[in-house]
Each structure stands twice: as C-alpha cells, then as structure tokens.
C-alpha cells in the first residue's frame, strides 16, 4: 500500500487514504514498520498530499515506537528543506 501511495501520487482518493489508515491501525505488528517506512519516504518528498496525510497520521500515532527501536533523535529541521 505504501508503494501505491508513492506511485499514484496526488491521484489517490480520500477513501483510499481512510482505508489505509484503518488497515495500519488494525495491524499492531506493523505499527513500528510503517512509521519507519513513512519517516524515510517523507524525508525525501512531501509533495504528495495523500502520502503526507497517511504518513503524518502514522507518525503521530506510532512514531514513538519507531524512534524507540532505532534510538534516533528526530527534530523538525530534518524535514525543513522539503517544505519549499
């Protein structure tokens, strides 16, 4: 599903975004994995609104799991270059 979001770009419908969030939330074993994947993807590209929506939700809910597993420190400036 992550590959679909990155490939389809802004063509992804809102109901797909909602469905993907539902799938992620119901799969506890994938929480840390999906947070890590979205973290890595949006470091390079935040121009695709559906991808950013799902990534933001996932990182907001499960980002702490990813950070604890990887022992990394994330700051807002990690993404600042991608805003423009």
PDB file of N, CA and C in Angstrom:
ATOM      1  N   UNK A   1       0.815  -1.199   0.000  1.00  0.00           N
ATOM      2  CA  UNK A   1       0.000   0.000   0.000  1.00  0.00           C
ATOM      3  C   UNK A   1       0.859   1.263   0.000  1.00  0.00           C
ATOM      4  N   UNK A   2       2.008   1.188   0.669  1.00  0.00           N
ATOM      5  CA  UNK A   2       2.909   2.338   0.679  1.00  0.00           C
ATOM      6  C   UNK A   2       3.396   2.615  -0.739  1.00  0.00           C
ATOM      7  N   UNK A   3       3.692   1.563  -1.471  1.00  0.00           N
ATOM      8  CA  UNK A   3       4.156   1.726  -2.848  1.00  0.00           C
ATOM      9  C   UNK A   3       3.055   2.338  -3.718  1.00  0.00           C
ATOM     10  N   UNK A   4       1.816   1.976  -3.480  1.00  0.00           N
ATOM     11  CA  UNK A   4       0.704   2.562  -4.225  1.00  0.00           C
ATOM     12  C   UNK A   4       0.646   4.064  -3.953  1.00  0.00           C
ATOM     13  N   UNK A   5       0.783   4.462  -2.690  1.00  0.00           N
ATOM     14  CA  UNK A   5       0.754   5.887  -2.352  1.00  0.00           C
ATOM     15  C   UNK A   5       1.881   6.651  -3.024  1.00  0.00           C
ATOM     16  N   UNK A   6       3.074   6.089  -3.029  1.00  0.00           N
ATOM     17  CA  UNK A   6       4.209   6.796  -3.620  1.00  0.00           C
ATOM     18  C   UNK A   6       4.132   6.825  -5.140  1.00  0.00           C
ATOM     19  N   UNK A   7       3.553   5.798  -5.734  1.00  0.00           N
ATOM     20  CA  UNK A   7       3.455   5.730  -7.192  1.00  0.00           C
ATOM     21  C   UNK A   7       2.290   6.560  -7.720  1.00  0.00           C
ATOM     22  N   UNK A   8       1.152   6.478  -7.069  1.00  0.00           N
ATOM     23  CA  UNK A   8      -0.054   7.151  -7.560  1.00  0.00           C
ATOM     24  C   UNK A   8      -0.052   8.651  -7.276  1.00  0.00           C
ATOM     25  N   UNK A   9       0.738   9.057  -6.313  1.00  0.00           N
ATOM     26  CA  UNK A   9       0.851  10.487  -6.020  1.00  0.00           C
ATOM     27  C   UNK A   9      -0.455  11.108  -5.568  1.00  0.00           C
ATOM     28  N   UNK A  10      -0.763  12.261  -6.117  1.00  0.00           N
ATOM     29  CA  UNK A  10      -1.956  13.005  -5.721  1.00  0.00           C
ATOM     30  C   UNK A  10      -3.241  12.445  -6.314  1.00  0.00           C
ATOM     31  N   UNK A  11      -3.162  11.368  -7.069  1.00  0.00           N
ATOM     32  CA  UNK A  11      -4.347  10.755  -7.670  1.00  0.00           C
ATOM     33  C   UNK A  11      -5.091   9.833  -6.710  1.00  0.00           C
ATOM     34  N   UNK A  12      -4.534   9.592  -5.532  1.00  0.00           N
ATOM     35  CA  UNK A  12      -5.163   8.699  -4.566  1.00  0.00           C
ATOM     36  C   UNK A  12      -6.396   9.374  -3.970  1.00  0.00           C
ATOM     37  N   UNK A  13      -7.508   8.667  -3.991  1.00  0.00           N
ATOM     38  CA  UNK A  13      -8.765   9.207  -3.471  1.00  0.00           C
ATOM     39  C   UNK A  13      -8.764   9.233  -1.940  1.00  0.00           C
ATOM     40  N   UNK A  14      -9.588  10.097  -1.385  1.00  0.00           N
ATOM     41  CA  UNK A  14      -9.688  10.240   0.069  1.00  0.00           C
ATOM     42  C   UNK A  14     -10.130   8.949   0.753  1.00  0.00           C
ATOM     43  N   UNK A  15     -11.014   8.176   0.112  1.00  0.00           N
ATOM     44  CA  UNK A  15     -11.474   6.943   0.749  1.00  0.00           C
ATOM     45  C   UNK A  15     -10.351   5.913   0.841  1.00  0.00           C
ATOM     46  N   UNK A  16      -9.397   5.964  -0.072  1.00  0.00           N
ATOM     47  CA  UNK A  16      -8.240   5.068  -0.011  1.00  0.00           C
ATOM     48  C   UNK A  16      -7.346   5.475   1.155  1.00  0.00           C
ATOM     49  N   UNK A  17      -7.178   6.768   1.342  1.00  0.00           N
ATOM     50  CA  UNK A  17      -6.393   7.274   2.472  1.00  0.00           C
ATOM     51  C   UNK A  17      -7.019   6.786   3.781  1.00  0.00           C
ATOM     52  N   UNK A  18      -8.320   6.928   3.923  1.00  0.00           N
ATOM     53  CA  UNK A  18      -9.016   6.479   5.127  1.00  0.00           C
ATOM     54  C   UNK A  18      -8.898   4.978   5.331  1.00  0.00           C
ATOM     55  N   UNK A  19      -9.029   4.233   4.249  1.00  0.00           N
ATOM     56  CA  UNK A  19      -8.912   2.773   4.334  1.00  0.00           C
ATOM     57  C   UNK A  19      -7.514   2.353   4.764  1.00  0.00           C
ATOM     58  N   UNK A  20      -6.507   2.985   4.216  1.00  0.00           N
ATOM     59  CA  UNK A  20      -5.138   2.650   4.574  1.00  0.00           C
ATOM     60  C   UNK A  20      -4.864   2.959   6.045  1.00  0.00           C
ATOM     61  N   UNK A  21      -5.361   4.079   6.519  1.00  0.00           N
ATOM     62  CA  UNK A  21      -5.207   4.407   7.938  1.00  0.00           C
ATOM     63  C   UNK A  21      -5.893   3.345   8.796  1.00  0.00           C
ATOM     64  N   UNK A  22      -7.050   2.884   8.366  1.00  0.00           N
ATOM     65  CA  UNK A  22      -7.748   1.818   9.090  1.00  0.00           C
ATOM     66  C   UNK A  22      -6.955   0.523   9.118  1.00  0.00           C
ATOM     67  N   UNK A  23      -6.338   0.178   7.992  1.00  0.00           N
ATOM     68  CA  UNK A  23      -5.524  -1.039   7.918  1.00  0.00           C
ATOM     69  C   UNK A  23      -4.320  -0.926   8.842  1.00  0.00           C
ATOM     70  N   UNK A  24      -3.654   0.213   8.804  1.00  0.00           N
ATOM     71  CA  UNK A  24      -2.476   0.417   9.657  1.00  0.00           C
ATOM     72  C   UNK A  24      -2.862   0.334  11.133  1.00  0.00           C
ATOM     73  N   UNK A  25      -3.958   0.967  11.504  1.00  0.00           N
ATOM     74  CA  UNK A  25      -4.344   0.990  12.915  1.00  0.00           C
ATOM     75  C   UNK A  25      -4.757  -0.384  13.425  1.00  0.00           C
ATOM     76  N   UNK A  26      -5.234  -1.244  12.555  1.00  0.00           N
ATOM     77  CA  UNK A  26      -5.677  -2.564  12.993  1.00  0.00           C
ATOM     78  C   UNK A  26      -4.578  -3.622  12.955  1.00  0.00           C
ATOM     79  N   UNK A  27      -3.388  -3.249  12.516  1.00  0.00           N
ATOM     80  CA  UNK A  27      -2.278  -4.203  12.415  1.00  0.00           C
ATOM     81  C   UNK A  27      -1.157  -3.812  13.371  1.00  0.00           C
ATOM     82  N   UNK A  28      -1.304  -4.162  14.626  1.00  0.00           N
ATOM     83  CA  UNK A  28      -0.353  -3.742  15.660  1.00  0.00           C
ATOM     84  C   UNK A  28       1.076  -4.160  15.347  1.00  0.00           C
ATOM     85  N   UNK A  29       1.243  -5.300  14.731  1.00  0.00           N
ATOM     86  CA  UNK A  29       2.598  -5.773  14.434  1.00  0.00           C
ATOM     87  C   UNK A  29       3.289  -4.939  13.360  1.00  0.00           C
ATOM     88  N   UNK A  30       2.537  -4.122  12.643  1.00  0.00           N
ATOM     89  CA  UNK A  30       3.107  -3.289  11.585  1.00  0.00           C
ATOM     90  C   UNK A  30       3.275  -1.823  11.986  1.00  0.00           C
ATOM     91  N   UNK A  31       2.899  -1.441  13.175  1.00  0.00           N
ATOM     92  CA  UNK A  31       2.943  -0.037  13.574  1.00  0.00           C
ATOM     93  C   UNK A  31       4.344   0.558  13.463  1.00  0.00           C
ATOM     94  N   UNK A  32       5.325  -0.066  14.072  1.00  0.00           N
ATOM     95  CA  UNK A  32       6.689   0.470  14.034  1.00  0.00           C
ATOM     96  C   UNK A  32       7.243   0.439  12.609  1.00  0.00           C
ATOM     97  N   UNK A  33       6.955  -0.638  11.881  1.00  0.00           N
ATOM     98  CA  UNK A  33       7.453  -0.765  10.499  1.00  0.00           C
ATOM     99  C   UNK A  33       6.891   0.334   9.603  1.00  0.00           C
ATOM    100  N   UNK A  34       5.592   0.555   9.655  1.00  0.00           N
ATOM    101  CA  UNK A  34       5.002   1.570   8.787  1.00  0.00           C
ATOM    102  C   UNK A  34       5.473   2.964   9.182  1.00  0.00           C
ATOM    103  N   UNK A  35       5.638   3.210  10.475  1.00  0.00           N
ATOM    104  CA  UNK A  35       6.151   4.510  10.912  1.00  0.00           C
ATOM    105  C   UNK A  35       7.556   4.729  10.352  1.00  0.00           C
ATOM    106  N   UNK A  36       8.387   3.708  10.413  1.00  0.00           N
ATOM    107  CA  UNK A  36       9.747   3.829   9.875  1.00  0.00           C
ATOM    108  C   UNK A  36       9.729   4.072   8.374  1.00  0.00           C
ATOM    109  N   UNK A  37       8.902   3.342   7.643  1.00  0.00           N
ATOM    110  CA  UNK A  37       8.835   3.499   6.194  1.00  0.00           C
ATOM    111  C   UNK A  37       8.370   4.895   5.809  1.00  0.00           C
ATOM    112  N   UNK A  38       7.322   5.377   6.455  1.00  0.00           N
ATOM    113  CA  UNK A  38       6.827   6.720   6.137  1.00  0.00           C
ATOM    114  C   UNK A  38       7.831   7.793   6.531  1.00  0.00           C
ATOM    115  N   UNK A  39       8.505   7.604   7.647  1.00  0.00           N
ATOM    116  CA  UNK A  39       9.533   8.558   8.067  1.00  0.00           C
ATOM    117  C   UNK A  39      10.593   8.689   6.973  1.00  0.00           C
ATOM    118  N   UNK A  40      11.054   7.578   6.461  1.00  0.00           N
ATOM    119  CA  UNK A  40      12.104   7.594   5.435  1.00  0.00           C
ATOM    120  C   UNK A  40      11.596   8.183   4.109  1.00  0.00           C
ATOM    121  N   UNK A  41      10.365   7.873   3.762  1.00  0.00           N
ATOM    122  CA  UNK A  41       9.810   8.360   2.490  1.00  0.00           C
ATOM    123  C   UNK A  41       9.615   9.873   2.522  1.00  0.00           C
ATOM    124  N   UNK A  42       9.024  10.399   3.587  1.00  0.00           N
ATOM    125  CA  UNK A  42       8.731  11.839   3.587  1.00  0.00           C
ATOM    126  C   UNK A  42       9.956  12.692   3.848  1.00  0.00           C
ATOM    127  N   UNK A  43      11.069  12.099   4.215  1.00  0.00           N
ATOM    128  CA  UNK A  43      12.303  12.868   4.300  1.00  0.00           C
ATOM    129  C   UNK A  43      12.728  13.332   2.912  1.00  0.00           C
ATOM    130  N   UNK A  44      12.357  12.576   1.887  1.00  0.00           N
ATOM    131  CA  UNK A  44      12.753  12.880   0.514  1.00  0.00           C
ATOM    132  C   UNK A  44      11.693  13.614  -0.285  1.00  0.00           C
ATOM    133  N   UNK A  45      10.424  13.435   0.064  1.00  0.00           N
ATOM    134  CA  UNK A  45       9.368  14.019  -0.762  1.00  0.00           C
ATOM    135  C   UNK A  45       8.100  14.227   0.058  1.00  0.00           C
ATOM    136  N   UNK A  46       7.706  15.487   0.200  1.00  0.00           N
ATOM    137  CA  UNK A  46       6.433  15.769   0.886  1.00  0.00           C
ATOM    138  C   UNK A  46       5.480  16.512  -0.047  1.00  0.00           C
ATOM    139  N   UNK A  47       5.587  16.249  -1.338  1.00  0.00           N
ATOM    140  CA  UNK A  47       4.754  16.946  -2.315  1.00  0.00           C
ATOM    141  C   UNK A  47       3.454  16.213  -2.622  1.00  0.00           C
ATOM    142  N   UNK A  48       3.324  14.980  -2.174  1.00  0.00           N
ATOM    143  CA  UNK A  48       2.133  14.195  -2.479  1.00  0.00           C
ATOM    144  C   UNK A  48       1.202  14.196  -1.268  1.00  0.00           C
ATOM    145  N   UNK A  49       0.113  14.927  -1.384  1.00  0.00           N
ATOM    146  CA  UNK A  49      -0.780  15.158  -0.254  1.00  0.00           C
ATOM    147  C   UNK A  49      -1.319  13.872   0.381  1.00  0.00           C
ATOM    148  N   UNK A  50      -1.820  12.884  -0.362  1.00  0.00           N
ATOM    149  CA  UNK A  50      -2.315  11.667   0.289  1.00  0.00           C
ATOM    150  C   UNK A  50      -1.220  10.935   1.079  1.00  0.00           C
ATOM    151  N   UNK A  51      -0.024  10.897   0.518  1.00  0.00           N
ATOM    152  CA  UNK A  51       1.100  10.260   1.200  1.00  0.00           C
ATOM    153  C   UNK A  51       1.417  10.995   2.501  1.00  0.00           C
ATOM    154  N   UNK A  52       1.440  12.302   2.452  1.00  0.00           N
ATOM    155  CA  UNK A  52       1.738  13.105   3.641  1.00  0.00           C
ATOM    156  C   UNK A  52       0.634  12.938   4.688  1.00  0.00           C
ATOM    157  N   UNK A  53      -0.612  12.825   4.266  1.00  0.00           N
ATOM    158  CA  UNK A  53      -1.714  12.618   5.203  1.00  0.00           C
ATOM    159  C   UNK A  53      -1.533  11.321   5.984  1.00  0.00           C
ATOM    160  N   UNK A  54      -1.292  10.236   5.259  1.00  0.00           N
ATOM    161  CA  UNK A  54      -1.150   8.931   5.916  1.00  0.00           C
ATOM    162  C   UNK A  54       0.126   8.907   6.756  1.00  0.00           C
ATOM    163  N   UNK A  55       1.200   9.459   6.226  1.00  0.00           N
ATOM    164  CA  UNK A  55       2.467   9.483   6.960  1.00  0.00           C
ATOM    165  C   UNK A  55       2.340  10.305   8.237  1.00  0.00           C
ATOM    166  N   UNK A  56       1.689  11.441   8.159  1.00  0.00           N
ATOM    167  CA  UNK A  56       1.522  12.298   9.340  1.00  0.00           C
ATOM    168  C   UNK A  56       0.706  11.598  10.417  1.00  0.00           C
ATOM    169  N   UNK A  57      -0.370  10.965  10.009  1.00  0.00           N
ATOM    170  CA  UNK A  57      -1.187  10.239  10.970  1.00  0.00           C
ATOM    171  C   UNK A  57      -0.389   9.097  11.591  1.00  0.00           C
ATOM    172  N   UNK A  58       0.288   8.323  10.755  1.00  0.00           N
ATOM    173  CA  UNK A  58       1.040   7.164  11.237  1.00  0.00           C
ATOM    174  C   UNK A  58       2.153   7.587  12.189  1.00  0.00           C
ATOM    175  N   UNK A  59       2.890   8.616  11.817  1.00  0.00           N
ATOM    176  CA  UNK A  59       3.981   9.073  12.682  1.00  0.00           C
ATOM    177  C   UNK A  59       3.451   9.692  13.976  1.00  0.00           C
ATOM    178  N   UNK A  60       2.305  10.344  13.892  1.00  0.00           N
ATOM    179  CA  UNK A  60       1.700  10.893  15.096  1.00  0.00           C
ATOM    180  C   UNK A  60       1.257   9.817  16.070  1.00  0.00           C
ATOM    181  N   UNK A  61       0.743   8.727  15.529  1.00  0.00           N
ATOM    182  CA  UNK A  61       0.262   7.634  16.372  1.00  0.00           C
ATOM    183  C   UNK A  61       1.367   6.683  16.809  1.00  0.00           C
ATOM    184  N   UNK A  62       2.288   6.362  15.906  1.00  0.00           N
ATOM    185  CA  UNK A  62       3.239   5.277  16.155  1.00  0.00           C
ATOM    186  C   UNK A  62       4.705   5.667  15.993  1.00  0.00           C
ATOM    187  N   UNK A  63       4.973   6.925  15.793  1.00  0.00           N
ATOM    188  CA  UNK A  63       6.348   7.368  15.623  1.00  0.00           C
ATOM    189  C   UNK A  63       7.230   7.058  16.815  1.00  0.00           C
ATOM    190  N   UNK A  64       6.652   7.085  17.998  1.00  0.00           N
ATOM    191  CA  UNK A  64       7.441   6.780  19.196  1.00  0.00           C
ATOM    192  C   UNK A  64       7.968   5.357  19.176  1.00  0.00           C
ATOM    193  N   UNK A  65       7.217   4.429  18.605  1.00  0.00           N
ATOM    194  CA  UNK A  65       7.674   3.038  18.502  1.00  0.00           C
ATOM    195  C   UNK A  65       8.895   2.938  17.599  1.00  0.00           C
ATOM    196  N   UNK A  66       8.848   3.635  16.504  1.00  0.00           N
ATOM    197  CA  UNK A  66       9.976   3.640  15.563  1.00  0.00           C
ATOM    198  C   UNK A  66      11.202   4.276  16.197  1.00  0.00           C
ATOM    199  N   UNK A  67      11.017   5.402  16.852  1.00  0.00           N
ATOM    200  CA  UNK A  67      12.147   6.116  17.460  1.00  0.00           C
ATOM    201  C   UNK A  67      12.777   5.281  18.569  1.00  0.00           C
ATOM    202  N   UNK A  68      11.965   4.610  19.356  1.00  0.00           N
ATOM    203  CA  UNK A  68      12.494   3.764  20.431  1.00  0.00           C
ATOM    204  C   UNK A  68      13.310   2.603  19.865  1.00  0.00           C
ATOM    205  N   UNK A  69      12.838   1.994  18.786  1.00  0.00           N
ATOM    206  CA  UNK A  69      13.544   0.861  18.188  1.00  0.00           C
ATOM    207  C   UNK A  69      14.853   1.278  17.536  1.00  0.00           C
ATOM    208  N   UNK A  70      14.872   2.448  16.933  1.00  0.00           N
ATOM    209  CA  UNK A  70      16.040   2.890  16.187  1.00  0.00           C
ATOM    210  C   UNK A  70      16.998   3.738  17.013  1.00  0.00           C
ATOM    211  N   UNK A  71      16.582   4.162  18.192  1.00  0.00           N
ATOM    212  CA  UNK A  71      17.389   5.041  19.042  1.00  0.00           C
ATOM    213  C   UNK A  71      17.889   6.266  18.271  1.00  0.00           C
ATOM    214  N   UNK A  72      16.966   6.955  17.607  1.00  0.00           N
ATOM    215  CA  UNK A  72      17.333   8.153  16.867  1.00  0.00           C
ATOM    216  C   UNK A  72      16.647   9.356  17.491  1.00  0.00           C
ATOM    217  N   UNK A  73      17.137  10.511  17.132  1.00  0.00           N
ATOM    218  CA  UNK A  73      16.549  11.760  17.601  1.00  0.00           C
ATOM    219  C   UNK A  73      16.049  12.525  16.381  1.00  0.00           C
ATOM    220  N   UNK A  74      14.770  12.813  16.331  1.00  0.00           N
ATOM    221  CA  UNK A  74      14.160  13.495  15.201  1.00  0.00           C
ATOM    222  C   UNK A  74      13.819  14.916  15.618  1.00  0.00           C
ATOM    223  N   UNK A  75      14.194  15.868  14.765  1.00  0.00           N
ATOM    224  CA  UNK A  75      13.844  17.261  15.011  1.00  0.00           C
ATOM    225  C   UNK A  75      13.156  17.818  13.775  1.00  0.00           C
ATOM    226  N   UNK A  76      12.456  18.914  13.938  1.00  0.00           N
ATOM    227  CA  UNK A  76      11.687  19.485  12.831  1.00  0.00           C
ATOM    228  C   UNK A  76      12.557  19.862  11.646  1.00  0.00           C
ATOM    229  N   UNK A  77      13.806  20.199  11.881  1.00  0.00           N
ATOM    230  CA  UNK A  77      14.684  20.615  10.793  1.00  0.00           C
ATOM    231  C   UNK A  77      15.055  19.464   9.862  1.00  0.00           C
ATOM    232  N   UNK A  78      14.784  18.224  10.269  1.00  0.00           N
ATOM    233  CA  UNK A  78      15.030  17.074   9.398  1.00  0.00           C
ATOM    234  C   UNK A  78      14.189  17.170   8.131  1.00  0.00           C
ATOM    235  N   UNK A  79      13.070  17.900   8.183  1.00  0.00           N
ATOM    236  CA  UNK A  79      12.147  17.969   7.074  1.00  0.00           C
ATOM    237  C   UNK A  79      12.043  19.371   6.479  1.00  0.00           C
ATOM    238  N   UNK A  80      12.688  20.314   7.046  1.00  0.00           N
ATOM    239  CA  UNK A  80      12.532  21.708   6.647  1.00  0.00           C
ATOM    240  C   UNK A  80      12.915  21.936   5.193  1.00  0.00           C
ATOM    241  N   UNK A  81      13.951  21.301   4.682  1.00  0.00           N
ATOM    242  CA  UNK A  81      14.384  21.506   3.302  1.00  0.00           C
ATOM    243  C   UNK A  81      13.338  21.072   2.291  1.00  0.00           C
ATOM    244  N   UNK A  82      12.440  20.167   2.669  1.00  0.00           N
ATOM    245  CA  UNK A  82      11.441  19.630   1.743  1.00  0.00           C
ATOM    246  C   UNK A  82      10.185  20.462   1.656  1.00  0.00           C
ATOM    247  N   UNK A  83      10.042  21.460   2.496  1.00  0.00           N
ATOM    248  CA  UNK A  83       8.811  22.243   2.523  1.00  0.00           C
ATOM    249  C   UNK A  83       8.682  23.141   1.302  1.00  0.00           C
ATOM    250  N   UNK A  84       9.747  23.680   0.833  1.00  0.00           N
ATOM    251  CA  UNK A  84       9.701  24.618  -0.311  1.00  0.00           C
ATOM    252  C   UNK A  84       9.605  23.911  -1.617  1.00  0.00           C
TER     253      UNK A  84
END
